[in-house]
Amino acid sequence: MVEGDLAIKVRMLFFGPLAESMGQREIEVALLQGSTARDLIDRFRLTPMLESGLRVAIDGVVGADLDADLADASEIAFLPPVSGG
């Protein structure tokens, strides 16, 4: 980041098998203001999982706009597909 750029911090939460594959359930990430959840998905290479049913909740809202700017202290939860029968 360049001095003078505004930064935000967000928390990424992982559940189920994704927490195991990431090696942790929670990561705090510093981002430039104006970053989106899609930026995080790209940065952590989660796009293939998104395409196979991974759901994303932003500040508790499942299905929130992944291209909307994140706010400082936002919480982005990555929820694995629910299987049932």
PDB file of N, CA and C in Angstrom:
ATOM      1  N   MET A   1       0.837  -1.181   0.000  1.00  0.00           N
ATOM      2  CA  MET A   1       0.000   0.000   0.000  1.00  0.00           C
ATOM      3  C   MET A   1       0.880   1.242   0.000  1.00  0.00           C
ATOM      4  N   VAL A   2       0.409   2.238  -0.651  1.00  0.00           N
ATOM      5  CA  VAL A   2       1.145   3.488  -0.740  1.00  0.00           C
ATOM      6  C   VAL A   2       0.703   4.389   0.405  1.00  0.00           C
ATOM      7  N   GLU A   3       1.657   5.098   0.984  1.00  0.00           N
ATOM      8  CA  GLU A   3       1.314   6.006   2.077  1.00  0.00           C
ATOM      9  C   GLU A   3       0.246   6.983   1.604  1.00  0.00           C
ATOM     10  N   GLY A   4      -0.771   7.168   2.414  1.00  0.00           N
ATOM     11  CA  GLY A   4      -1.858   8.055   2.035  1.00  0.00           C
ATOM     12  C   GLY A   4      -3.078   7.301   1.532  1.00  0.00           C
ATOM     13  N   ASP A   5      -2.875   6.034   1.087  1.00  0.00           N
ATOM     14  CA  ASP A   5      -4.024   5.229   0.690  1.00  0.00           C
ATOM     15  C   ASP A   5      -4.815   4.872   1.942  1.00  0.00           C
ATOM     16  N   LEU A   6      -6.111   4.873   1.825  1.00  0.00           N
ATOM     17  CA  LEU A   6      -6.947   4.507   2.957  1.00  0.00           C
ATOM     18  C   LEU A   6      -7.116   2.993   2.990  1.00  0.00           C
ATOM     19  N   ALA A   7      -6.894   2.416   4.147  1.00  0.00           N
ATOM     20  CA  ALA A   7      -6.993   0.973   4.291  1.00  0.00           C
ATOM     21  C   ALA A   7      -8.148   0.620   5.216  1.00  0.00           C
ATOM     22  N   ILE A   8      -8.680  -0.558   5.007  1.00  0.00           N
ATOM     23  CA  ILE A   8      -9.691  -1.109   5.888  1.00  0.00           C
ATOM     24  C   ILE A   8      -9.228  -2.496   6.317  1.00  0.00           C
ATOM     25  N   LYS A   9      -9.792  -2.978   7.406  1.00  0.00           N
ATOM     26  CA  LYS A   9      -9.535  -4.352   7.838  1.00  0.00           C
ATOM     27  C   LYS A   9     -10.859  -5.085   7.850  1.00  0.00           C
ATOM     28  N   VAL A  10     -10.847  -6.288   7.325  1.00  0.00           N
ATOM     29  CA  VAL A  10     -12.037  -7.126   7.332  1.00  0.00           C
ATOM     30  C   VAL A  10     -11.676  -8.487   7.918  1.00  0.00           C
ATOM     31  N   ARG A  11     -12.698  -9.188   8.393  1.00  0.00           N
ATOM     32  CA  ARG A  11     -12.497 -10.542   8.906  1.00  0.00           C
ATOM     33  C   ARG A  11     -13.125 -11.523   7.942  1.00  0.00           C
ATOM     34  N   MET A  12     -12.355 -12.538   7.566  1.00  0.00           N
ATOM     35  CA  MET A  12     -12.865 -13.624   6.741  1.00  0.00           C
ATOM     36  C   MET A  12     -13.092 -14.813   7.664  1.00  0.00           C
ATOM     37  N   LEU A  13     -14.270 -15.406   7.577  1.00  0.00           N
ATOM     38  CA  LEU A  13     -14.612 -16.571   8.387  1.00  0.00           C
ATOM     39  C   LEU A  13     -14.856 -17.756   7.469  1.00  0.00           C
ATOM     40  N   PHE A  14     -14.281 -18.904   7.836  1.00  0.00           N
ATOM     41  CA  PHE A  14     -14.407 -20.113   7.021  1.00  0.00           C
ATOM     42  C   PHE A  14     -15.094 -21.193   7.840  1.00  0.00           C
ATOM     43  N   PHE A  15     -15.967 -21.951   7.198  1.00  0.00           N
ATOM     44  CA  PHE A  15     -16.723 -22.994   7.879  1.00  0.00           C
ATOM     45  C   PHE A  15     -16.564 -24.321   7.158  1.00  0.00           C
ATOM     46  N   GLY A  16     -16.792 -25.401   7.897  1.00  0.00           N
ATOM     47  CA  GLY A  16     -16.765 -26.741   7.328  1.00  0.00           C
ATOM     48  C   GLY A  16     -15.415 -27.103   6.744  1.00  0.00           C
ATOM     49  N   PRO A  17     -15.443 -27.858   5.658  1.00  0.00           N
ATOM     50  CA  PRO A  17     -14.198 -28.324   5.037  1.00  0.00           C
ATOM     51  C   PRO A  17     -13.295 -27.174   4.585  1.00  0.00           C
ATOM     52  N   LEU A  18     -13.888 -26.031   4.288  1.00  0.00           N
ATOM     53  CA  LEU A  18     -13.078 -24.886   3.857  1.00  0.00           C
ATOM     54  C   LEU A  18     -12.163 -24.422   4.982  1.00  0.00           C
ATOM     55  N   ALA A  19     -12.642 -24.446   6.227  1.00  0.00           N
ATOM     56  CA  ALA A  19     -11.801 -24.069   7.369  1.00  0.00           C
ATOM     57  C   ALA A  19     -10.609 -25.011   7.464  1.00  0.00           C
ATOM     58  N   GLU A  20     -10.855 -26.285   7.220  1.00  0.00           N
ATOM     59  CA  GLU A  20      -9.764 -27.267   7.261  1.00  0.00           C
ATOM     60  C   GLU A  20      -8.761 -27.010   6.142  1.00  0.00           C
ATOM     61  N   SER A  21      -9.245 -26.765   4.931  1.00  0.00           N
ATOM     62  CA  SER A  21      -8.323 -26.564   3.811  1.00  0.00           C
ATOM     63  C   SER A  21      -7.557 -25.249   3.926  1.00  0.00           C
ATOM     64  N   MET A  22      -8.160 -24.234   4.563  1.00  0.00           N
ATOM     65  CA  MET A  22      -7.470 -22.954   4.758  1.00  0.00           C
ATOM     66  C   MET A  22      -6.517 -23.020   5.956  1.00  0.00           C
ATOM     67  N   GLY A  23      -6.714 -24.019   6.818  1.00  0.00           N
ATOM     68  CA  GLY A  23      -5.844 -24.167   7.980  1.00  0.00           C
ATOM     69  C   GLY A  23      -6.250 -23.295   9.158  1.00  0.00           C
ATOM     70  N   GLN A  24      -7.331 -22.562   9.022  1.00  0.00           N
ATOM     71  CA  GLN A  24      -7.834 -21.732  10.123  1.00  0.00           C
ATOM     72  C   GLN A  24      -9.266 -21.329   9.835  1.00  0.00           C
ATOM     73  N   ARG A  25      -9.960 -20.926  10.902  1.00  0.00           N
ATOM     74  CA  ARG A  25     -11.368 -20.548  10.760  1.00  0.00           C
ATOM     75  C   ARG A  25     -11.549 -19.060  10.518  1.00  0.00           C
ATOM     76  N   GLU A  26     -10.539 -18.267  10.836  1.00  0.00           N
ATOM     77  CA  GLU A  26     -10.696 -16.811  10.743  1.00  0.00           C
ATOM     78  C   GLU A  26      -9.378 -16.170  10.320  1.00  0.00           C
ATOM     79  N   ILE A  27      -9.472 -15.215   9.412  1.00  0.00           N
ATOM     80  CA  ILE A  27      -8.305 -14.455   8.959  1.00  0.00           C
ATOM     81  C   ILE A  27      -8.699 -12.981   8.939  1.00  0.00           C
ATOM     82  N   GLU A  28      -7.843 -12.131   9.480  1.00  0.00           N
ATOM     83  CA  GLU A  28      -8.062 -10.691   9.362  1.00  0.00           C
ATOM     84  C   GLU A  28      -7.184 -10.198   8.216  1.00  0.00           C
ATOM     85  N   VAL A  29      -7.777  -9.428   7.315  1.00  0.00           N
ATOM     86  CA  VAL A  29      -7.080  -8.988   6.106  1.00  0.00           C
ATOM     87  C   VAL A  29      -7.162  -7.467   5.987  1.00  0.00           C
ATOM     88  N   ALA A  30      -6.043  -6.846   5.660  1.00  0.00           N
ATOM     89  CA  ALA A  30      -6.015  -5.409   5.372  1.00  0.00           C
ATOM     90  C   ALA A  30      -6.201  -5.236   3.863  1.00  0.00           C
ATOM     91  N   LEU A  31      -7.099  -4.338   3.497  1.00  0.00           N
ATOM     92  CA  LEU A  31      -7.407  -4.073   2.094  1.00  0.00           C
ATOM     93  C   LEU A  31      -7.444  -2.579   1.850  1.00  0.00           C
ATOM     94  N   LEU A  32      -7.295  -2.202   0.604  1.00  0.00           N
ATOM     95  CA  LEU A  32      -7.507  -0.803   0.252  1.00  0.00           C
ATOM     96  C   LEU A  32      -8.990  -0.501   0.289  1.00  0.00           C
ATOM     97  N   GLN A  33      -9.327   0.702   0.722  1.00  0.00           N
ATOM     98  CA  GLN A  33     -10.725   1.125   0.699  1.00  0.00           C
ATOM     99  C   GLN A  33     -11.226   0.988  -0.731  1.00  0.00           C
ATOM    100  N   GLY A  34     -12.443   0.500  -0.886  1.00  0.00           N
ATOM    101  CA  GLY A  34     -12.995   0.265  -2.218  1.00  0.00           C
ATOM    102  C   GLY A  34     -12.860  -1.173  -2.672  1.00  0.00           C
ATOM    103  N   SER A  35     -12.208  -2.010  -1.855  1.00  0.00           N
ATOM    104  CA  SER A  35     -12.096  -3.429  -2.189  1.00  0.00           C
ATOM    105  C   SER A  35     -13.446  -4.110  -1.985  1.00  0.00           C
ATOM    106  N   THR A  36     -13.629  -5.216  -2.694  1.00  0.00           N
ATOM    107  CA  THR A  36     -14.896  -5.945  -2.650  1.00  0.00           C
ATOM    108  C   THR A  36     -14.673  -7.384  -2.181  1.00  0.00           C
ATOM    109  N   ALA A  37     -15.770  -8.070  -1.886  1.00  0.00           N
ATOM    110  CA  ALA A  37     -15.679  -9.486  -1.533  1.00  0.00           C
ATOM    111  C   ALA A  37     -15.125 -10.276  -2.720  1.00  0.00           C
ATOM    112  N   ARG A  38     -15.471  -9.861  -3.926  1.00  0.00           N
ATOM    113  CA  ARG A  38     -14.936 -10.568  -5.103  1.00  0.00           C
ATOM    114  C   ARG A  38     -13.413 -10.438  -5.158  1.00  0.00           C
ATOM    115  N   ASP A  39     -12.857  -9.298  -4.730  1.00  0.00           N
ATOM    116  CA  ASP A  39     -11.404  -9.147  -4.666  1.00  0.00           C
ATOM    117  C   ASP A  39     -10.809 -10.193  -3.721  1.00  0.00           C
ATOM    118  N   LEU A  40     -11.456 -10.399  -2.572  1.00  0.00           N
ATOM    119  CA  LEU A  40     -10.982 -11.412  -1.620  1.00  0.00           C
ATOM    120  C   LEU A  40     -11.081 -12.814  -2.214  1.00  0.00           C
ATOM    121  N   ILE A  41     -12.189 -13.090  -2.884  1.00  0.00           N
ATOM    122  CA  ILE A  41     -12.390 -14.398  -3.513  1.00  0.00           C
ATOM    123  C   ILE A  41     -11.280 -14.668  -4.522  1.00  0.00           C
ATOM    124  N   ASP A  42     -10.940 -13.663  -5.313  1.00  0.00           N
ATOM    125  CA  ASP A  42      -9.849 -13.813  -6.290  1.00  0.00           C
ATOM    126  C   ASP A  42      -8.513 -13.991  -5.585  1.00  0.00           C
ATOM    127  N   ARG A  43      -8.247 -13.162  -4.582  1.00  0.00           N
ATOM    128  CA  ARG A  43      -6.963 -13.191  -3.879  1.00  0.00           C
ATOM    129  C   ARG A  43      -6.704 -14.550  -3.217  1.00  0.00           C
ATOM    130  N   PHE A  44      -7.750 -15.152  -2.664  1.00  0.00           N
ATOM    131  CA  PHE A  44      -7.595 -16.426  -1.984  1.00  0.00           C
ATOM    132  C   PHE A  44      -7.975 -17.615  -2.870  1.00  0.00           C
ATOM    133  N   ARG A  45      -8.143 -17.361  -4.152  1.00  0.00           N
ATOM    134  CA  ARG A  45      -8.423 -18.398  -5.160  1.00  0.00           C
ATOM    135  C   ARG A  45      -9.631 -19.265  -4.790  1.00  0.00           C
ATOM    136  N   LEU A  46     -10.723 -18.614  -4.446  1.00  0.00           N
ATOM    137  CA  LEU A  46     -11.940 -19.317  -4.050  1.00  0.00           C
ATOM    138  C   LEU A  46     -12.983 -19.377  -5.158  1.00  0.00           C
ATOM    139  N   THR A  47     -12.667 -18.809  -6.333  1.00  0.00           N
ATOM    140  CA  THR A  47     -13.643 -18.775  -7.425  1.00  0.00           C
ATOM    141  C   THR A  47     -14.163 -20.161  -7.797  1.00  0.00           C
ATOM    142  N   PRO A  48     -13.297 -21.190  -7.922  1.00  0.00           N
ATOM    143  CA  PRO A  48     -13.839 -22.513  -8.265  1.00  0.00           C
ATOM    144  C   PRO A  48     -14.844 -23.015  -7.225  1.00  0.00           C
ATOM    145  N   MET A  49     -14.599 -22.719  -5.953  1.00  0.00           N
ATOM    146  CA  MET A  49     -15.531 -23.151  -4.908  1.00  0.00           C
ATOM    147  C   MET A  49     -16.845 -22.377  -5.004  1.00  0.00           C
ATOM    148  N   LEU A  50     -16.753 -21.114  -5.356  1.00  0.00           N
ATOM    149  CA  LEU A  50     -17.945 -20.284  -5.511  1.00  0.00           C
ATOM    150  C   LEU A  50     -18.820 -20.864  -6.625  1.00  0.00           C
ATOM    151  N   GLU A  51     -18.160 -21.302  -7.680  1.00  0.00           N
ATOM    152  CA  GLU A  51     -18.883 -21.863  -8.825  1.00  0.00           C
ATOM    153  C   GLU A  51     -19.510 -23.216  -8.496  1.00  0.00           C
ATOM    154  N   SER A  52     -19.011 -23.888  -7.433  1.00  0.00           N
ATOM    155  CA  SER A  52     -19.574 -25.189  -7.080  1.00  0.00           C
ATOM    156  C   SER A  52     -20.441 -25.129  -5.826  1.00  0.00           C
ATOM    157  N   GLY A  53     -20.962 -23.937  -5.503  1.00  0.00           N
ATOM    158  CA  GLY A  53     -21.964 -23.842  -4.452  1.00  0.00           C
ATOM    159  C   GLY A  53     -21.563 -23.124  -3.180  1.00  0.00           C
ATOM    160  N   LEU A  54     -20.318 -22.671  -3.070  1.00  0.00           N
ATOM    161  CA  LEU A  54     -19.909 -21.911  -1.890  1.00  0.00           C
ATOM    162  C   LEU A  54     -20.769 -20.658  -1.791  1.00  0.00           C
ATOM    163  N   ARG A  55     -21.322 -20.403  -0.598  1.00  0.00           N
ATOM    164  CA  ARG A  55     -22.123 -19.199  -0.391  1.00  0.00           C
ATOM    165  C   ARG A  55     -21.311 -18.200   0.423  1.00  0.00           C
ATOM    166  N   VAL A  56     -21.581 -16.936   0.206  1.00  0.00           N
ATOM    167  CA  VAL A  56     -20.852 -15.873   0.883  1.00  0.00           C
ATOM    168  C   VAL A  56     -21.845 -14.984   1.615  1.00  0.00           C
ATOM    169  N   ALA A  57     -21.537 -14.701   2.885  1.00  0.00           N
ATOM    170  CA  ALA A  57     -22.356 -13.779   3.670  1.00  0.00           C
ATOM    171  C   ALA A  57     -21.489 -12.590   4.043  1.00  0.00           C
ATOM    172  N   ILE A  58     -21.986 -11.392   3.801  1.00  0.00           N
ATOM    173  CA  ILE A  58     -21.268 -10.169   4.168  1.00  0.00           C
ATOM    174  C   ILE A  58     -22.060  -9.504   5.287  1.00  0.00           C
ATOM    175  N   ASP A  59     -21.408  -9.369   6.428  1.00  0.00           N
ATOM    176  CA  ASP A  59     -22.059  -8.797   7.613  1.00  0.00           C
ATOM    177  C   ASP A  59     -23.406  -9.465   7.891  1.00  0.00           C
ATOM    178  N   GLY A  60     -23.417 -10.802   7.771  1.00  0.00           N
ATOM    179  CA  GLY A  60     -24.603 -11.580   8.104  1.00  0.00           C
ATOM    180  C   GLY A  60     -25.633 -11.705   7.008  1.00  0.00           C
ATOM    181  N   VAL A  61     -25.386 -11.110   5.839  1.00  0.00           N
ATOM    182  CA  VAL A  61     -26.350 -11.166   4.737  1.00  0.00           C
ATOM    183  C   VAL A  61     -25.861 -12.152   3.679  1.00  0.00           C
ATOM    184  N   VAL A  62     -26.526 -13.316   3.618  1.00  0.00           N
ATOM    185  CA  VAL A  62     -26.182 -14.315   2.605  1.00  0.00           C
ATOM    186  C   VAL A  62     -26.680 -13.808   1.256  1.00  0.00           C
ATOM    187  N   GLY A  63     -25.836 -13.927   0.251  1.00  0.00           N
ATOM    188  CA  GLY A  63     -26.227 -13.484  -1.082  1.00  0.00           C
ATOM    189  C   GLY A  63     -26.042 -11.990  -1.298  1.00  0.00           C
ATOM    190  N   ALA A  64     -25.280 -11.330  -0.417  1.00  0.00           N
ATOM    191  CA  ALA A  64     -25.008  -9.898  -0.586  1.00  0.00           C
ATOM    192  C   ALA A  64     -24.211  -9.678  -1.877  1.00  0.00           C
ATOM    193  N   ASP A  65     -24.214  -8.465  -2.369  1.00  0.00           N
ATOM    194  CA  ASP A  65     -23.513  -8.102  -3.603  1.00  0.00           C
ATOM    195  C   ASP A  65     -22.005  -8.242  -3.414  1.00  0.00           C
ATOM    196  N   LEU A  66     -21.404  -9.183  -4.124  1.00  0.00           N
ATOM    197  CA  LEU A  66     -19.961  -9.438  -4.003  1.00  0.00           C
ATOM    198  C   LEU A  66     -19.124  -8.324  -4.608  1.00  0.00           C
ATOM    199  N   ASP A  67     -19.766  -7.458  -5.399  1.00  0.00           N
ATOM    200  CA  ASP A  67     -19.035  -6.376  -6.059  1.00  0.00           C
ATOM    201  C   ASP A  67     -19.216  -5.031  -5.355  1.00  0.00           C
ATOM    202  N   ALA A  68     -19.907  -5.034  -4.226  1.00  0.00           N
ATOM    203  CA  ALA A  68     -20.081  -3.795  -3.453  1.00  0.00           C
ATOM    204  C   ALA A  68     -18.833  -3.555  -2.605  1.00  0.00           C
ATOM    205  N   ASP A  69     -18.502  -2.289  -2.407  1.00  0.00           N
ATOM    206  CA  ASP A  69     -17.343  -1.950  -1.567  1.00  0.00           C
ATOM    207  C   ASP A  69     -17.562  -2.464  -0.150  1.00  0.00           C
ATOM    208  N   LEU A  70     -16.513  -3.046   0.416  1.00  0.00           N
ATOM    209  CA  LEU A  70     -16.570  -3.504   1.801  1.00  0.00           C
ATOM    210  C   LEU A  70     -16.306  -2.330   2.739  1.00  0.00           C
ATOM    211  N   ALA A  71     -16.906  -2.371   3.893  1.00  0.00           N
ATOM    212  CA  ALA A  71     -16.672  -1.354   4.915  1.00  0.00           C
ATOM    213  C   ALA A  71     -15.599  -1.841   5.876  1.00  0.00           C
ATOM    214  N   ASP A  72     -14.965  -0.903   6.575  1.00  0.00           N
ATOM    215  CA  ASP A  72     -14.010  -1.269   7.603  1.00  0.00           C
ATOM    216  C   ASP A  72     -14.724  -2.143   8.629  1.00  0.00           C
ATOM    217  N   ALA A  73     -14.062  -3.196   9.066  1.00  0.00           N
ATOM    218  CA  ALA A  73     -14.576  -4.139  10.066  1.00  0.00           C
ATOM    219  C   ALA A  73     -15.688  -5.040   9.529  1.00  0.00           C
ATOM    220  N   SER A  74     -15.857  -5.109   8.219  1.00  0.00           N
ATOM    221  CA  SER A  74     -16.833  -6.040   7.658  1.00  0.00           C
ATOM    222  C   SER A  74     -16.423  -7.469   7.977  1.00  0.00           C
ATOM    223  N   GLU A  75     -17.423  -8.333   8.014  1.00  0.00           N
ATOM    224  CA  GLU A  75     -17.192  -9.751   8.256  1.00  0.00           C
ATOM    225  C   GLU A  75     -17.699 -10.502   7.037  1.00  0.00           C
ATOM    226  N   ILE A  76     -16.812 -11.263   6.404  1.00  0.00           N
ATOM    227  CA  ILE A  76     -17.169 -12.010   5.213  1.00  0.00           C
ATOM    228  C   ILE A  76     -17.066 -13.488   5.560  1.00  0.00           C
ATOM    229  N   ALA A  77     -18.200 -14.169   5.545  1.00  0.00           N
ATOM    230  CA  ALA A  77     -18.241 -15.587   5.902  1.00  0.00           C
ATOM    231  C   ALA A  77     -18.397 -16.421   4.635  1.00  0.00           C
ATOM    232  N   PHE A  78     -17.608 -17.487   4.566  1.00  0.00           N
ATOM    233  CA  PHE A  78     -17.651 -18.396   3.433  1.00  0.00           C
ATOM    234  C   PHE A  78     -18.289 -19.698   3.911  1.00  0.00           C
ATOM    235  N   LEU A  79     -19.462 -19.992   3.363  1.00  0.00           N
ATOM    236  CA  LEU A  79     -20.284 -21.101   3.829  1.00  0.00           C
ATOM    237  C   LEU A  79     -20.316 -22.207   2.776  1.00  0.00           C
ATOM    238  N   PRO A  80     -19.928 -23.411   3.161  1.00  0.00           N
ATOM    239  CA  PRO A  80     -19.934 -24.501   2.190  1.00  0.00           C
ATOM    240  C   PRO A  80     -21.366 -24.864   1.793  1.00  0.00           C
ATOM    241  N   PRO A  81     -21.518 -25.495   0.629  1.00  0.00           N
ATOM    242  CA  PRO A  81     -22.864 -25.917   0.221  1.00  0.00           C
ATOM    243  C   PRO A  81     -23.448 -26.854   1.284  1.00  0.00           C
ATOM    244  N   VAL A  82     -24.737 -26.740   1.500  1.00  0.00           N
ATOM    245  CA  VAL A  82     -25.399 -27.603   2.470  1.00  0.00           C
ATOM    246  C   VAL A  82     -25.908 -28.836   1.729  1.00  0.00           C
ATOM    247  N   SER A  83     -25.511 -29.997   2.225  1.00  0.00           N
ATOM    248  CA  SER A  83     -26.034 -31.211   1.617  1.00  0.00           C
ATOM    249  C   SER A  83     -27.075 -31.771   2.570  1.00  0.00           C
ATOM    250  N   GLY A  84     -28.044 -32.377   2.013  1.00  0.00           N
ATOM    251  CA  GLY A  84     -29.092 -32.914   2.859  1.00  0.00           C
ATOM    252  C   GLY A  84     -29.877 -33.962   2.116  1.00  0.00           C
ATOM    253  N   GLY A  85     -30.865 -34.451   2.770  1.00  0.00           N
ATOM    254  CA  GLY A  85     -31.659 -35.472   2.103  1.00  0.00           C
ATOM    255  C   GLY A  85     -32.916 -35.731   2.853  1.00  0.00           C
TER     256      GLY A  85
END
